[in-house]
Amino acid sequence: ATTPGPLAPAMQREIPEVEKITRIHPSWGGTALIAYGDDKITEERVWRVDSSFFDVFSIPFIKGDAKSALSDINSVVLTESTAKRYFPQEDPIGKTLKMNRRDDVTVTAVIADVPAQAHFHYDFLLSYRRLSAEAETSWGSYNYYTYVKVKAGTDMALFEKKIQDVYERNQEERYSDFYTQSLTDIHLTSNLKWELEPNGDKLYVYVFMTIGIFILLIAAINYINLSTANSSLRAKETGIRKVSGAQRTSLVFQFLMESVIICIIASVIALTIAYALMPLVNELTQKNLQIQDNPVVILYLVLVTVLIGIIAGIFPALYLSSFKPVAVLKGLKVNEKGALGLRKSLVLIQFTISAVLIISALIIIQQMNYIQSARLGFDKDQIVIIKNGGRLSRSDRQSYLNSIMQLSGVENASTAGTILGQGFSTTRLRAKGSQQEQQLNFASINYNFLDVVGIDIKEGRGFSPDFPSDSLNDGISGGPLEQRLGGIVINEQAVKEFGLDSPAVGKQFVWSTDGDTTYYVEVVGVAKNFHFTSLRNEIKPFGFLILPRNQFNFTIKLSTTKVSDVVAQLEQTWKTSFSDVPFEYIFMDETFSRMYAAEGRFQKAFISLVILGIIIACLGLYALATFSAEQRVKEIGVRKVLGASVAQIVALLSKDFLKLVIVSLLLAIPVSIYAMSIWLEGFAYRVTIQWWVFLVAAFIALLIAFVTICSQAIKAAFANPAKSLRSE
């Protein structure tokens, strides 16, 4: 998702289709300590942007002016909620905030909060010019996001080619292919490395939309089945209306209107329930969903309501209006052959949908359990991370590290420049003697970090203070033409993709060049593969380096289950030495849990809708079982008089429905395999669909259907036959 910093000004100069262009440099997981008076708050959403940011994006200004908001290098623009947090009773314009205990920035504008549905969010906007000179000159530093407002009528394919040409004209190395995305496509369709925020997934939108249609279909089937099942109760009404001169078209219209009116009443009730449940839905989905009351949405709801009413009512209307008045008024039995066949077909569709939902829910639960229990290749439990080490000097960090290692509940501790599961850096390297460069993800750590998190070494060794040369140095100015800067520990995948011969230990990578001088890092160990990102992604080449100046976090392995007591000691030790720096910590297992938060919410929402669909299907089945028992009440009475047992009566009333459920299960299996295979393709590491899932789903479906049917079948079987036969 990122681009080099110099790309934007080069595009502005050399591509005429560019109307406006801006760059964003986010906080990249880092924090800023913002102070105003005695208040000190650690902020995460502090961005650097070009002053043209307000030309590309339509941002409402509450105070200040867009043209001058970031004209000064020490300007800062606040969102409305941020301004209220720091200046609840004051006008923020002109006030000075101290950032990271050293820089003063002046508030020049207050802008509206970013809407929840945007694909990025910020609280502070600083001038892009606060970044180092590298931001304007380095074509190899992909730390920036570039947004372009193009002129109307731009040919985007040609525009992308021009971007590539600009890139290749302005620097020698040609590693990247550039492309564009429409802003409105990002949230649901983009899944790139280093997205500004986790995006949504169009597949989930389609899944929930499909389930919604399925539930509506199940409900419509219930209406059709019950309307046709109760046809005998309205047969005489239809006959009298026809004898009185009613045309079939008017009867069809009457029955359709009844269906539509029922749908309208149901829609009013549904909207009331939806309003009441919206906070719960938003909490479950972590979205800010709202029921819109604009005319377009209201018209859509009315049209959908009428359409559902017509779809659900069309067959009952045609069926009820087809009765012959002579036959029904003479009391002859209505011929239900066609309606009975339809009812069975609709029940089959209903339970096929229910079976697909049950099977899918079981597979989703299985995959989520696999994700949560998968062996990641390191130990994420009982590890606490203190985040604000970057505000301390190197000597202070070492002093704090020495202090906490003496605490009774601390097993081991290290500093690091990364938090596993949150972020890492990327560079391009090539093995010595090779011309083929590869991308390597890497993290800066201290000597014993690998021991703290339990990453196993397969070959060679991990870092050790006994080998000071492991630490990356700056090289010797005017020294040898080939210099070893330090050591590197790589994973098995890096050995494979870089094509290193065995043993990999001792091999060297070209880290950088300076004129005739080439600098190398040497492989001192090979770690077993581990999952440093979501299980949605395959394991990629990864390396660990010791960069002393980049040790911003403390990673601490606890040796006790009394976690809160140890954290309290860590905080007390921190505040004793660094009272002016906030103490902030997280647990490593939480960072990995957040990776799968979207999948967890999807699972909960999906299962909730599955339960709803099954309940609606069971309501229809219950009503049909009730009607079937009432229609056969005399037959049941005769059978009981002739000696039939309760079990035989229950089996008689249940078998036809259960046959339909079994057939629906057979139809559901291929459909669910296809649908779930598509969903599982989103995970590089996933479960295989097991045969037992279908057996469990079959058992659940049959049990639900059997209990639903038996509740009426048993009641009919225990009824006194004298009451049902006395009219004879």
Foldseek 3Di string as FASTA:
>chain_A
DFFALQLFVLCVVQPPQFPAKKKKFFQQQAWKWKDDVPDTDIGRFAMAMALCPCVQDPWAWPDADSNCQAVDQQHKEFEPVLCCVRCVPDDQAQGWMDILNHGIHHYHTYIHFDDQPAQAGHGMYGHNVVDDPSSNPPRFDGRMDMDTDGDPPDDQVVVQVVSQVSSVVRDPDRDDRDHDDDRVCCQAPDDDPPRNDNHHHVLLVVVVVVLVVLLLLLLLLLLLLVLLLCLLVCLLVLLVCVVVPDDLVVQLVVQLVVLLVVLVVVVVVVVVVCVVCVVVLCVLQVGNDDQDDDPVSVVVSSVVSSVSSCVSRNVSSNVSSPRHSVCSVVVHDDDCPVVVVVSLVSLLSLLLVLLLLLLLLVQLVVFVVCQLPPAQQWAQPQKKKWFAQLSDDLVVVVVLLVVLVPDPFFPHKWFWLDFQLRDWDKDWKAWPPDPDIDIETEIAIDQCPCVQGVFAFPDADGGDPVCVQQAFDPDDVVDDQEEERHEKEKEPQCCVVNVPDPPQFQIWIFPDHDVSHTYIYTYRTYTYFGDSYGLLDDGHIYMYGHHSSSRRMMMTRTDDPVSVVSVVVSQVSCCVVCVPDDTDMDRSSVSSVVNCSSSVSSSVVSVVSSVVSLVSSLVSLLSVLQSVLVVCLLVLLVVVVVPDALVRQLCVSQVSSLVSSVVSLVVNVVVSQVSVVVVQNSGNDGDDSDPVSSVVSSVVSSVSSSVSNSVNSSVSNPDNSCVVPVVD
